[in-house]
């Protein structure tokens, strides 16, 4: 395993999902074949993945534990879990890469379902459970790859249906603690708090106190697990929300700044330029032109 574990959005890419997208889907073979069927150990900071495959075999390493699986099977990988794969070239299946924060919002009303499905795991699928899960996988993949009216609502509905199908089919699981489990748990808690409160822009000290560690410890675990300090997590979340507001609303830059907790629109503009290299108005114009 490399000394500095790479953290990607999509494997091998520093940029993956566009700001307004909540998920990406592709065939497992599509990306794996580009890397000679081997996906080396890496992790995703804020994305979870669901792999459904009907055919082929895979050797999997998740948080230091090795597994072998023959299709049909399902693999779920939570954010920050270290994982790598070696697939056989006859693999046939789909991988979904999703924003964890969005999935948790979708499943907010059902804590038991969240606990059942939002766990890193790999399991073969018995015959009685294949049909409903396969149908849910195909429905979600179809909605994501086409551009029919009300696409976002249809994707949310299909994502929920997939997790319900998985929840009904999978046994309870306990995530393996792995090396550095405490640091990973602190970072996961921090990211969850950032998703809840980024508009209020709490201080790092406030975040750290709620987690039960010091600000120095919070920065240390973020650098160890993510490769960047804690403040970068908050700034990335603010920037993502700003990009969504600019791309999909007609609110003024000043109004967006206030919605995101900035008391000065000029400071927000400088912040956005520093994070993206582009002024908010120019970024909006480019985003609208791409739509």
C-alpha atoms as a PDB file:
ATOM      1  CA  UNK A   1       0.000   0.000   0.000  1.00  0.00           C
ATOM      2  CA  UNK A   2       1.421   3.439  -0.875  1.00  0.00           C
ATOM      3  CA  UNK A   3       2.728   5.650   1.888  1.00  0.00           C
ATOM      4  CA  UNK A   4       0.349   8.438   0.868  1.00  0.00           C
ATOM      5  CA  UNK A   5      -2.906   6.718   0.092  1.00  0.00           C
ATOM      6  CA  UNK A   6      -4.647   8.433  -2.847  1.00  0.00           C
ATOM      7  CA  UNK A   7      -8.081   9.932  -2.215  1.00  0.00           C
ATOM      8  CA  UNK A   8     -10.153  10.160  -5.381  1.00  0.00           C
ATOM      9  CA  UNK A   9     -13.628  11.136  -6.470  1.00  0.00           C
ATOM     10  CA  UNK A  10     -13.902   8.616  -9.282  1.00  0.00           C
ATOM     11  CA  UNK A  11     -10.940   6.233  -9.371  1.00  0.00           C
ATOM     12  CA  UNK A  12      -7.913   7.869 -10.949  1.00  0.00           C
ATOM     13  CA  UNK A  13      -9.630  11.259 -11.170  1.00  0.00           C
ATOM     14  CA  UNK A  14      -9.222  14.327  -8.993  1.00  0.00           C
ATOM     15  CA  UNK A  15     -12.525  15.617 -10.362  1.00  0.00           C
ATOM     16  CA  UNK A  16     -15.491  13.287 -10.601  1.00  0.00           C
ATOM     17  CA  UNK A  17     -19.098  14.257  -9.944  1.00  0.00           C
ATOM     18  CA  UNK A  18     -20.160  17.712 -11.109  1.00  0.00           C
ATOM     19  CA  UNK A  19     -21.348  19.897  -8.187  1.00  0.00           C
ATOM     20  CA  UNK A  20     -25.056  19.426  -8.914  1.00  0.00           C
ATOM     21  CA  UNK A  21     -24.921  15.658  -9.471  1.00  0.00           C
ATOM     22  CA  UNK A  22     -25.610  13.262  -6.618  1.00  0.00           C
ATOM     23  CA  UNK A  23     -24.448  10.072  -8.319  1.00  0.00           C
ATOM     24  CA  UNK A  24     -22.572   8.517 -11.225  1.00  0.00           C
ATOM     25  CA  UNK A  25     -23.023   5.063 -12.738  1.00  0.00           C
ATOM     26  CA  UNK A  26     -21.017   3.022 -15.205  1.00  0.00           C
ATOM     27  CA  UNK A  27     -20.277  -0.588 -15.996  1.00  0.00           C
ATOM     28  CA  UNK A  28     -17.620  -2.115 -13.771  1.00  0.00           C
ATOM     29  CA  UNK A  29     -15.686  -3.144 -16.873  1.00  0.00           C
ATOM     30  CA  UNK A  30     -15.707   0.418 -18.251  1.00  0.00           C
ATOM     31  CA  UNK A  31     -13.244   1.760 -15.694  1.00  0.00           C
ATOM     32  CA  UNK A  32     -11.525  -1.459 -14.587  1.00  0.00           C
ATOM     33  CA  UNK A  33     -10.453  -2.372 -18.117  1.00  0.00           C
ATOM     34  CA  UNK A  34      -8.565   0.937 -18.331  1.00  0.00           C
ATOM     35  CA  UNK A  35      -6.410  -0.207 -15.405  1.00  0.00           C
ATOM     36  CA  UNK A  36      -5.768  -3.818 -16.520  1.00  0.00           C
ATOM     37  CA  UNK A  37      -8.672  -4.988 -14.313  1.00  0.00           C
ATOM     38  CA  UNK A  38      -6.913  -3.889 -11.109  1.00  0.00           C
ATOM     39  CA  UNK A  39      -8.077  -0.937  -9.028  1.00  0.00           C
ATOM     40  CA  UNK A  40      -5.282  -0.189  -6.567  1.00  0.00           C
ATOM     41  CA  UNK A  41      -5.955   0.713  -2.913  1.00  0.00           C
ATOM     42  CA  UNK A  42      -7.500   4.163  -2.541  1.00  0.00           C
ATOM     43  CA  UNK A  43     -10.413   5.833  -0.809  1.00  0.00           C
ATOM     44  CA  UNK A  44     -13.141   8.410  -1.411  1.00  0.00           C
ATOM     45  CA  UNK A  45     -13.540  11.307   0.967  1.00  0.00           C
ATOM     46  CA  UNK A  46     -17.282  11.888   0.660  1.00  0.00           C
ATOM     47  CA  UNK A  47     -18.594   9.263  -1.760  1.00  0.00           C
ATOM     48  CA  UNK A  48     -19.997   5.799  -1.188  1.00  0.00           C
ATOM     49  CA  UNK A  49     -20.076   3.087  -3.827  1.00  0.00           C
ATOM     50  CA  UNK A  50     -22.401   0.186  -4.579  1.00  0.00           C
ATOM     51  CA  UNK A  51     -21.174  -2.540  -6.935  1.00  0.00           C
ATOM     52  CA  UNK A  52     -23.663  -5.057  -8.346  1.00  0.00           C
ATOM     53  CA  UNK A  53     -22.237  -7.759 -10.579  1.00  0.00           C
ATOM     54  CA  UNK A  54     -23.897 -10.805 -12.111  1.00  0.00           C
ATOM     55  CA  UNK A  55     -20.891 -12.474 -13.673  1.00  0.00           C
ATOM     56  CA  UNK A  56     -17.164 -12.675 -13.027  1.00  0.00           C
ATOM     57  CA  UNK A  57     -14.940 -12.880  -9.972  1.00  0.00           C
ATOM     58  CA  UNK A  58     -13.212 -10.300  -7.814  1.00  0.00           C
ATOM     59  CA  UNK A  59     -10.494 -10.189  -5.174  1.00  0.00           C
ATOM     60  CA  UNK A  60     -11.279  -7.358  -2.772  1.00  0.00           C
ATOM     61  CA  UNK A  61      -9.356  -5.595  -0.040  1.00  0.00           C
ATOM     62  CA  UNK A  62     -11.441  -3.372   2.254  1.00  0.00           C
ATOM     63  CA  UNK A  63      -9.715  -1.766   5.235  1.00  0.00           C
ATOM     64  CA  UNK A  64      -6.999  -4.408   5.304  1.00  0.00           C
ATOM     65  CA  UNK A  65      -9.290  -7.429   4.979  1.00  0.00           C
ATOM     66  CA  UNK A  66      -9.118  -9.639   1.879  1.00  0.00           C
ATOM     67  CA  UNK A  67     -12.144 -11.288   0.301  1.00  0.00           C
ATOM     68  CA  UNK A  68     -12.895 -13.296  -2.841  1.00  0.00           C
ATOM     69  CA  UNK A  69     -16.311 -13.195  -4.452  1.00  0.00           C
ATOM     70  CA  UNK A  70     -17.941 -14.781  -7.490  1.00  0.00           C
ATOM     71  CA  UNK A  71     -21.007 -13.168  -9.040  1.00  0.00           C
ATOM     72  CA  UNK A  72     -23.790 -12.566  -8.552  1.00  0.00           C
ATOM     73  CA  UNK A  73     -22.741 -10.400  -5.652  1.00  0.00           C
ATOM     74  CA  UNK A  74     -22.896  -6.944  -4.113  1.00  0.00           C
ATOM     75  CA  UNK A  75     -20.164  -4.757  -2.643  1.00  0.00           C
ATOM     76  CA  UNK A  76     -20.760  -1.555  -0.700  1.00  0.00           C
ATOM     77  CA  UNK A  77     -17.869   0.756   0.187  1.00  0.00           C
ATOM     78  CA  UNK A  78     -18.375   3.641   2.585  1.00  0.00           C
ATOM     79  CA  UNK A  79     -16.460   6.966   2.443  1.00  0.00           C
ATOM     80  CA  UNK A  80     -12.898   6.802   3.801  1.00  0.00           C
ATOM     81  CA  UNK A  81     -12.784   2.981   3.629  1.00  0.00           C
ATOM     82  CA  UNK A  82      -9.526   1.889   1.972  1.00  0.00           C
ATOM     83  CA  UNK A  83     -10.390  -0.453  -0.881  1.00  0.00           C
ATOM     84  CA  UNK A  84      -8.908  -2.069  -3.964  1.00  0.00           C
ATOM     85  CA  UNK A  85     -10.087  -4.676  -6.482  1.00  0.00           C
ATOM     86  CA  UNK A  86      -8.806  -7.184  -8.985  1.00  0.00           C
ATOM     87  CA  UNK A  87     -11.582  -8.207 -11.384  1.00  0.00           C
ATOM     88  CA  UNK A  88     -11.676 -10.978 -13.955  1.00  0.00           C
ATOM     89  CA  UNK A  89     -12.094  -9.699 -17.500  1.00  0.00           C
ATOM     90  CA  UNK A  90     -15.511 -11.352 -17.908  1.00  0.00           C
ATOM     91  CA  UNK A  91     -17.094  -9.227 -15.158  1.00  0.00           C
ATOM     92  CA  UNK A  92     -20.564  -7.924 -15.943  1.00  0.00           C
ATOM     93  CA  UNK A  93     -22.137  -5.401 -13.599  1.00  0.00           C
ATOM     94  CA  UNK A  94     -22.731  -1.789 -12.585  1.00  0.00           C
ATOM     95  CA  UNK A  95     -21.015   0.476 -10.065  1.00  0.00           C
ATOM     96  CA  UNK A  96     -22.836   3.446  -8.552  1.00  0.00           C
ATOM     97  CA  UNK A  97     -20.830   6.273  -6.967  1.00  0.00           C
ATOM     98  CA  UNK A  98     -23.025   8.451  -4.739  1.00  0.00           C
ATOM     99  CA  UNK A  99     -22.706  11.457  -2.487  1.00  0.00           C
ATOM    100  CA  UNK A 100     -23.024  10.023   1.010  1.00  0.00           C
ATOM    101  CA  UNK A 101     -24.643  13.179   2.400  1.00  0.00           C
ATOM    102  CA  UNK A 102     -27.418  12.960  -0.194  1.00  0.00           C
ATOM    103  CA  UNK A 103     -28.038   9.270   0.501  1.00  0.00           C
ATOM    104  CA  UNK A 104     -28.285   9.943   4.227  1.00  0.00           C
ATOM    105  CA  UNK A 105     -30.835  12.684   3.516  1.00  0.00           C
ATOM    106  CA  UNK A 106     -32.894  10.311   1.365  1.00  0.00           C
ATOM    107  CA  UNK A 107     -32.880   7.654   4.088  1.00  0.00           C
ATOM    108  CA  UNK A 108     -33.308  10.081   7.001  1.00  0.00           C
ATOM    109  CA  UNK A 109     -36.742   8.762   7.982  1.00  0.00           C
ATOM    110  CA  UNK A 110     -35.557   5.147   8.369  1.00  0.00           C
ATOM    111  CA  UNK A 111     -32.635   4.782  10.760  1.00  0.00           C
ATOM    112  CA  UNK A 112     -32.821   0.976  10.672  1.00  0.00           C
ATOM    113  CA  UNK A 113     -32.502   0.983   6.872  1.00  0.00           C
ATOM    114  CA  UNK A 114     -29.509   3.339   7.025  1.00  0.00           C
ATOM    115  CA  UNK A 115     -27.797   1.099   9.552  1.00  0.00           C
ATOM    116  CA  UNK A 116     -28.454  -1.964   7.410  1.00  0.00           C
ATOM    117  CA  UNK A 117     -27.193  -0.659   4.062  1.00  0.00           C
ATOM    118  CA  UNK A 118     -24.614   2.039   4.859  1.00  0.00           C
ATOM    119  CA  UNK A 119     -21.845  -0.386   5.813  1.00  0.00           C
ATOM    120  CA  UNK A 120     -18.774  -1.529   3.870  1.00  0.00           C
ATOM    121  CA  UNK A 121     -19.378  -5.169   2.924  1.00  0.00           C
ATOM    122  CA  UNK A 122     -19.153  -7.779   0.155  1.00  0.00           C
ATOM    123  CA  UNK A 123     -21.622 -10.650  -0.163  1.00  0.00           C
ATOM    124  CA  UNK A 124     -22.788 -13.238  -2.698  1.00  0.00           C
ATOM    125  CA  UNK A 125     -26.456 -13.021  -3.617  1.00  0.00           C
ATOM    126  CA  UNK A 126     -28.757 -15.986  -3.145  1.00  0.00           C
ATOM    127  CA  UNK A 127     -31.225 -16.699  -5.939  1.00  0.00           C
ATOM    128  CA  UNK A 128     -34.414 -15.490  -4.125  1.00  0.00           C
ATOM    129  CA  UNK A 129     -32.971 -11.982  -3.690  1.00  0.00           C
ATOM    130  CA  UNK A 130     -31.449 -11.410  -7.124  1.00  0.00           C
ATOM    131  CA  UNK A 131     -34.528 -10.354  -9.069  1.00  0.00           C
ATOM    132  CA  UNK A 132     -35.647  -7.314  -6.985  1.00  0.00           C
ATOM    133  CA  UNK A 133     -32.098  -5.998  -6.557  1.00  0.00           C
ATOM    134  CA  UNK A 134     -31.265  -6.461 -10.232  1.00  0.00           C
ATOM    135  CA  UNK A 135     -34.472  -4.638 -11.208  1.00  0.00           C
ATOM    136  CA  UNK A 136     -33.619  -1.738  -8.869  1.00  0.00           C
ATOM    137  CA  UNK A 137     -30.051  -1.558 -10.224  1.00  0.00           C
ATOM    138  CA  UNK A 138     -31.242  -1.443 -13.829  1.00  0.00           C
ATOM    139  CA  UNK A 139     -33.896   1.189 -13.060  1.00  0.00           C
ATOM    140  CA  UNK A 140     -31.393   3.497 -11.354  1.00  0.00           C
ATOM    141  CA  UNK A 141     -28.789   3.061 -14.083  1.00  0.00           C
ATOM    142  CA  UNK A 142     -31.394   3.852 -16.756  1.00  0.00           C
ATOM    143  CA  UNK A 143     -32.549   7.026 -15.002  1.00  0.00           C
ATOM    144  CA  UNK A 144     -28.974   8.217 -14.516  1.00  0.00           C
ATOM    145  CA  UNK A 145     -27.918   7.637 -18.121  1.00  0.00           C
ATOM    146  CA  UNK A 146     -30.950   9.208 -19.780  1.00  0.00           C
ATOM    147  CA  UNK A 147     -32.204  12.781 -19.538  1.00  0.00           C
ATOM    148  CA  UNK A 148     -35.957  12.417 -19.214  1.00  0.00           C
ATOM    149  CA  UNK A 149     -38.153  15.096 -17.580  1.00  0.00           C
ATOM    150  CA  UNK A 150     -37.957  15.320 -13.777  1.00  0.00           C
ATOM    151  CA  UNK A 151     -34.714  13.356 -13.858  1.00  0.00           C
ATOM    152  CA  UNK A 152     -33.493  14.445 -10.410  1.00  0.00           C
ATOM    153  CA  UNK A 153     -36.717  13.322  -8.707  1.00  0.00           C
ATOM    154  CA  UNK A 154     -36.677  10.042 -10.626  1.00  0.00           C
ATOM    155  CA  UNK A 155     -33.058   9.393  -9.599  1.00  0.00           C
ATOM    156  CA  UNK A 156     -33.879  10.052  -5.934  1.00  0.00           C
ATOM    157  CA  UNK A 157     -36.814   7.633  -6.132  1.00  0.00           C
ATOM    158  CA  UNK A 158     -34.698   4.977  -7.866  1.00  0.00           C
ATOM    159  CA  UNK A 159     -31.848   5.394  -5.348  1.00  0.00           C
ATOM    160  CA  UNK A 160     -34.274   4.924  -2.470  1.00  0.00           C
ATOM    161  CA  UNK A 161     -35.763   1.864  -4.155  1.00  0.00           C
ATOM    162  CA  UNK A 162     -32.298   0.344  -4.583  1.00  0.00           C
ATOM    163  CA  UNK A 163     -31.424   0.774  -0.906  1.00  0.00           C
ATOM    164  CA  UNK A 164     -34.788  -0.648   0.149  1.00  0.00           C
ATOM    165  CA  UNK A 165     -34.189  -3.694  -2.088  1.00  0.00           C
ATOM    166  CA  UNK A 166     -30.717  -4.115  -0.618  1.00  0.00           C
ATOM    167  CA  UNK A 167     -31.980  -3.618   2.931  1.00  0.00           C
ATOM    168  CA  UNK A 168     -34.586  -6.343   2.481  1.00  0.00           C
ATOM    169  CA  UNK A 169     -32.025  -8.731   1.039  1.00  0.00           C
ATOM    170  CA  UNK A 170     -28.890  -8.207   3.119  1.00  0.00           C
ATOM    171  CA  UNK A 171     -28.158  -9.476   6.622  1.00  0.00           C
ATOM    172  CA  UNK A 172     -26.996  -7.051   9.320  1.00  0.00           C
ATOM    173  CA  UNK A 173     -23.258  -6.376   9.138  1.00  0.00           C
ATOM    174  CA  UNK A 174     -20.633  -4.849  11.341  1.00  0.00           C
ATOM    175  CA  UNK A 175     -17.873  -2.836   9.727  1.00  0.00           C
ATOM    176  CA  UNK A 176     -14.364  -4.075  10.478  1.00  0.00           C
ATOM    177  CA  UNK A 177     -12.466  -1.604  12.661  1.00  0.00           C
ATOM    178  CA  UNK A 178      -9.248  -1.729  10.619  1.00  0.00           C
ATOM    179  CA  UNK A 179      -6.096   0.251  11.268  1.00  0.00           C
ATOM    180  CA  UNK A 180      -6.684   3.838  12.362  1.00  0.00           C
ATOM    181  CA  UNK A 181     -10.376   3.216  12.989  1.00  0.00           C
ATOM    182  CA  UNK A 182     -10.554   5.907  15.669  1.00  0.00           C
ATOM    183  CA  UNK A 183      -9.097   8.552  13.333  1.00  0.00           C
ATOM    184  CA  UNK A 184     -11.479   7.532  10.547  1.00  0.00           C
ATOM    185  CA  UNK A 185     -14.428   7.653  12.962  1.00  0.00           C
ATOM    186  CA  UNK A 186     -13.473  11.185  14.047  1.00  0.00           C
ATOM    187  CA  UNK A 187     -13.251  12.325  10.420  1.00  0.00           C
ATOM    188  CA  UNK A 188     -16.580  10.704   9.558  1.00  0.00           C
ATOM    189  CA  UNK A 189     -18.215  12.480  12.483  1.00  0.00           C
ATOM    190  CA  UNK A 190     -16.613  15.778  11.482  1.00  0.00           C
ATOM    191  CA  UNK A 191     -17.828  15.458   7.893  1.00  0.00           C
ATOM    192  CA  UNK A 192     -21.350  14.687   9.107  1.00  0.00           C
ATOM    193  CA  UNK A 193     -21.300  17.794  11.314  1.00  0.00           C
ATOM    194  CA  UNK A 194     -20.012  19.908   8.430  1.00  0.00           C
ATOM    195  CA  UNK A 195     -22.887  18.684   6.225  1.00  0.00           C
ATOM    196  CA  UNK A 196     -25.385  19.647   8.935  1.00  0.00           C
ATOM    197  CA  UNK A 197     -23.985  23.065   9.855  1.00  0.00           C
ATOM    198  CA  UNK A 198     -21.800  24.446   7.091  1.00  0.00           C
ATOM    199  CA  UNK A 199     -24.169  27.392   6.530  1.00  0.00           C
ATOM    200  CA  UNK A 200     -23.524  28.561  10.105  1.00  0.00           C
ATOM    201  CA  UNK A 201     -19.742  28.296   9.576  1.00  0.00           C
ATOM    202  CA  UNK A 202     -18.895  27.102  13.124  1.00  0.00           C
ATOM    203  CA  UNK A 203     -15.285  27.388  14.259  1.00  0.00           C
ATOM    204  CA  UNK A 204     -13.059  24.329  14.168  1.00  0.00           C
ATOM    205  CA  UNK A 205     -12.992  24.529  17.969  1.00  0.00           C
ATOM    206  CA  UNK A 206     -16.776  24.113  18.073  1.00  0.00           C
ATOM    207  CA  UNK A 207     -16.615  21.123  15.746  1.00  0.00           C
ATOM    208  CA  UNK A 208     -13.797  19.559  17.755  1.00  0.00           C
ATOM    209  CA  UNK A 209     -15.591  20.048  21.070  1.00  0.00           C
ATOM    210  CA  UNK A 210     -18.679  18.237  19.785  1.00  0.00           C
ATOM    211  CA  UNK A 211     -16.544  15.332  18.580  1.00  0.00           C
ATOM    212  CA  UNK A 212     -14.744  15.272  21.946  1.00  0.00           C
ATOM    213  CA  UNK A 213     -11.232  16.116  20.728  1.00  0.00           C
ATOM    214  CA  UNK A 214      -9.072  19.245  20.491  1.00  0.00           C
ATOM    215  CA  UNK A 215      -8.692  21.429  17.418  1.00  0.00           C
ATOM    216  CA  UNK A 216      -5.107  20.216  17.073  1.00  0.00           C
ATOM    217  CA  UNK A 217      -6.288  16.608  17.119  1.00  0.00           C
ATOM    218  CA  UNK A 218      -9.011  17.387  14.573  1.00  0.00           C
ATOM    219  CA  UNK A 219      -6.471  18.855  12.179  1.00  0.00           C
ATOM    220  CA  UNK A 220      -4.135  15.926  12.778  1.00  0.00           C
ATOM    221  CA  UNK A 221      -6.723  13.246  11.968  1.00  0.00           C
ATOM    222  CA  UNK A 222      -7.891  15.154   8.880  1.00  0.00           C
ATOM    223  CA  UNK A 223      -4.323  15.395   7.589  1.00  0.00           C
ATOM    224  CA  UNK A 224      -3.722  11.716   8.357  1.00  0.00           C
ATOM    225  CA  UNK A 225      -6.944  10.403   6.782  1.00  0.00           C
ATOM    226  CA  UNK A 226      -7.672  12.975   4.081  1.00  0.00           C
ATOM    227  CA  UNK A 227      -4.313  14.590   3.402  1.00  0.00           C
ATOM    228  CA  UNK A 228      -5.533  18.123   4.136  1.00  0.00           C
ATOM    229  CA  UNK A 229      -6.484  20.173   7.232  1.00  0.00           C
ATOM    230  CA  UNK A 230      -9.944  20.332   8.749  1.00  0.00           C
ATOM    231  CA  UNK A 231     -10.686  23.819   7.436  1.00  0.00           C
ATOM    232  CA  UNK A 232     -10.362  22.520   3.873  1.00  0.00           C
ATOM    233  CA  UNK A 233     -13.312  20.177   4.513  1.00  0.00           C
ATOM    234  CA  UNK A 234     -15.549  23.076   5.526  1.00  0.00           C
ATOM    235  CA  UNK A 235     -14.349  25.236   2.645  1.00  0.00           C
ATOM    236  CA  UNK A 236     -14.962  22.445   0.113  1.00  0.00           C
ATOM    237  CA  UNK A 237     -18.534  21.995   1.381  1.00  0.00           C
ATOM    238  CA  UNK A 238     -19.223  25.736   1.221  1.00  0.00           C
ATOM    239  CA  UNK A 239     -17.788  25.889  -2.282  1.00  0.00           C
ATOM    240  CA  UNK A 240     -19.881  22.926  -3.463  1.00  0.00           C
ATOM    241  CA  UNK A 241     -23.076  24.567  -2.198  1.00  0.00           C
ATOM    242  CA  UNK A 242     -22.098  27.885  -3.767  1.00  0.00           C
ATOM    243  CA  UNK A 243     -21.585  26.164  -7.133  1.00  0.00           C
ATOM    244  CA  UNK A 244     -25.005  24.531  -6.893  1.00  0.00           C
ATOM    245  CA  UNK A 245     -26.685  27.844  -6.064  1.00  0.00           C
ATOM    246  CA  UNK A 246     -24.895  29.612  -8.905  1.00  0.00           C
ATOM    247  CA  UNK A 247     -25.675  26.902 -11.453  1.00  0.00           C
ATOM    248  CA  UNK A 248     -29.295  26.180 -10.569  1.00  0.00           C
ATOM    249  CA  UNK A 249     -30.781  29.351  -9.085  1.00  0.00           C
ATOM    250  CA  UNK A 250     -31.070  32.959 -10.192  1.00  0.00           C
ATOM    251  CA  UNK A 251     -30.146  34.339  -6.769  1.00  0.00           C
ATOM    252  CA  UNK A 252     -27.668  37.180  -6.778  1.00  0.00           C
ATOM    253  CA  UNK A 253     -24.108  36.551  -5.676  1.00  0.00           C
ATOM    254  CA  UNK A 254     -24.792  38.722  -2.624  1.00  0.00           C
ATOM    255  CA  UNK A 255     -27.852  36.652  -1.680  1.00  0.00           C
ATOM    256  CA  UNK A 256     -25.935  33.386  -2.096  1.00  0.00           C
ATOM    257  CA  UNK A 257     -23.144  34.745   0.089  1.00  0.00           C
ATOM    258  CA  UNK A 258     -25.603  35.549   2.887  1.00  0.00           C
ATOM    259  CA  UNK A 259     -27.291  32.134   2.576  1.00  0.00           C
ATOM    260  CA  UNK A 260     -23.909  30.498   3.102  1.00  0.00           C
ATOM    261  CA  UNK A 261     -23.116  32.467   6.233  1.00  0.00           C
ATOM    262  CA  UNK A 262     -20.869  35.160   4.726  1.00  0.00           C
ATOM    263  CA  UNK A 263     -21.586  38.627   6.100  1.00  0.00           C
ATOM    264  CA  UNK A 264     -19.692  40.323   3.278  1.00  0.00           C
ATOM    265  CA  UNK A 265     -20.306  39.540  -0.403  1.00  0.00           C
ATOM    266  CA  UNK A 266     -16.854  40.795  -1.335  1.00  0.00           C
ATOM    267  CA  UNK A 267     -15.224  38.306   1.035  1.00  0.00           C
ATOM    268  CA  UNK A 268     -17.385  35.520  -0.420  1.00  0.00           C
ATOM    269  CA  UNK A 269     -16.228  36.437  -3.926  1.00  0.00           C
ATOM    270  CA  UNK A 270     -12.590  36.334  -2.867  1.00  0.00           C
ATOM    271  CA  UNK A 271     -13.184  32.987  -1.115  1.00  0.00           C
ATOM    272  CA  UNK A 272     -14.834  31.507  -4.219  1.00  0.00           C
ATOM    273  CA  UNK A 273     -12.065  32.762  -6.505  1.00  0.00           C
ATOM    274  CA  UNK A 274      -9.433  31.255  -4.224  1.00  0.00           C
ATOM    275  CA  UNK A 275     -11.195  27.871  -4.155  1.00  0.00           C
ATOM    276  CA  UNK A 276     -12.101  27.616  -7.859  1.00  0.00           C
ATOM    277  CA  UNK A 277      -9.832  30.071  -9.678  1.00  0.00           C
ATOM    278  CA  UNK A 278     -12.930  31.769 -11.133  1.00  0.00           C
ATOM    279  CA  UNK A 279     -15.166  34.629 -10.012  1.00  0.00           C
ATOM    280  CA  UNK A 280     -18.745  33.589  -9.048  1.00  0.00           C
ATOM    281  CA  UNK A 281     -20.365  35.467 -11.952  1.00  0.00           C
ATOM    282  CA  UNK A 282     -17.975  33.931 -14.479  1.00  0.00           C
ATOM    283  CA  UNK A 283     -18.458  30.464 -12.992  1.00  0.00           C
ATOM    284  CA  UNK A 284     -22.242  30.881 -13.285  1.00  0.00           C
ATOM    285  CA  UNK A 285     -21.997  31.940 -16.925  1.00  0.00           C
ATOM    286  CA  UNK A 286     -19.867  28.914 -17.762  1.00  0.00           C
ATOM    287  CA  UNK A 287     -22.177  26.548 -15.863  1.00  0.00           C
ATOM    288  CA  UNK A 288     -25.287  27.871 -17.625  1.00  0.00           C
ATOM    289  CA  UNK A 289     -23.564  27.583 -21.005  1.00  0.00           C
ATOM    290  CA  UNK A 290     -22.760  23.903 -20.318  1.00  0.00           C
ATOM    291  CA  UNK A 291     -26.379  23.022 -19.473  1.00  0.00           C
END
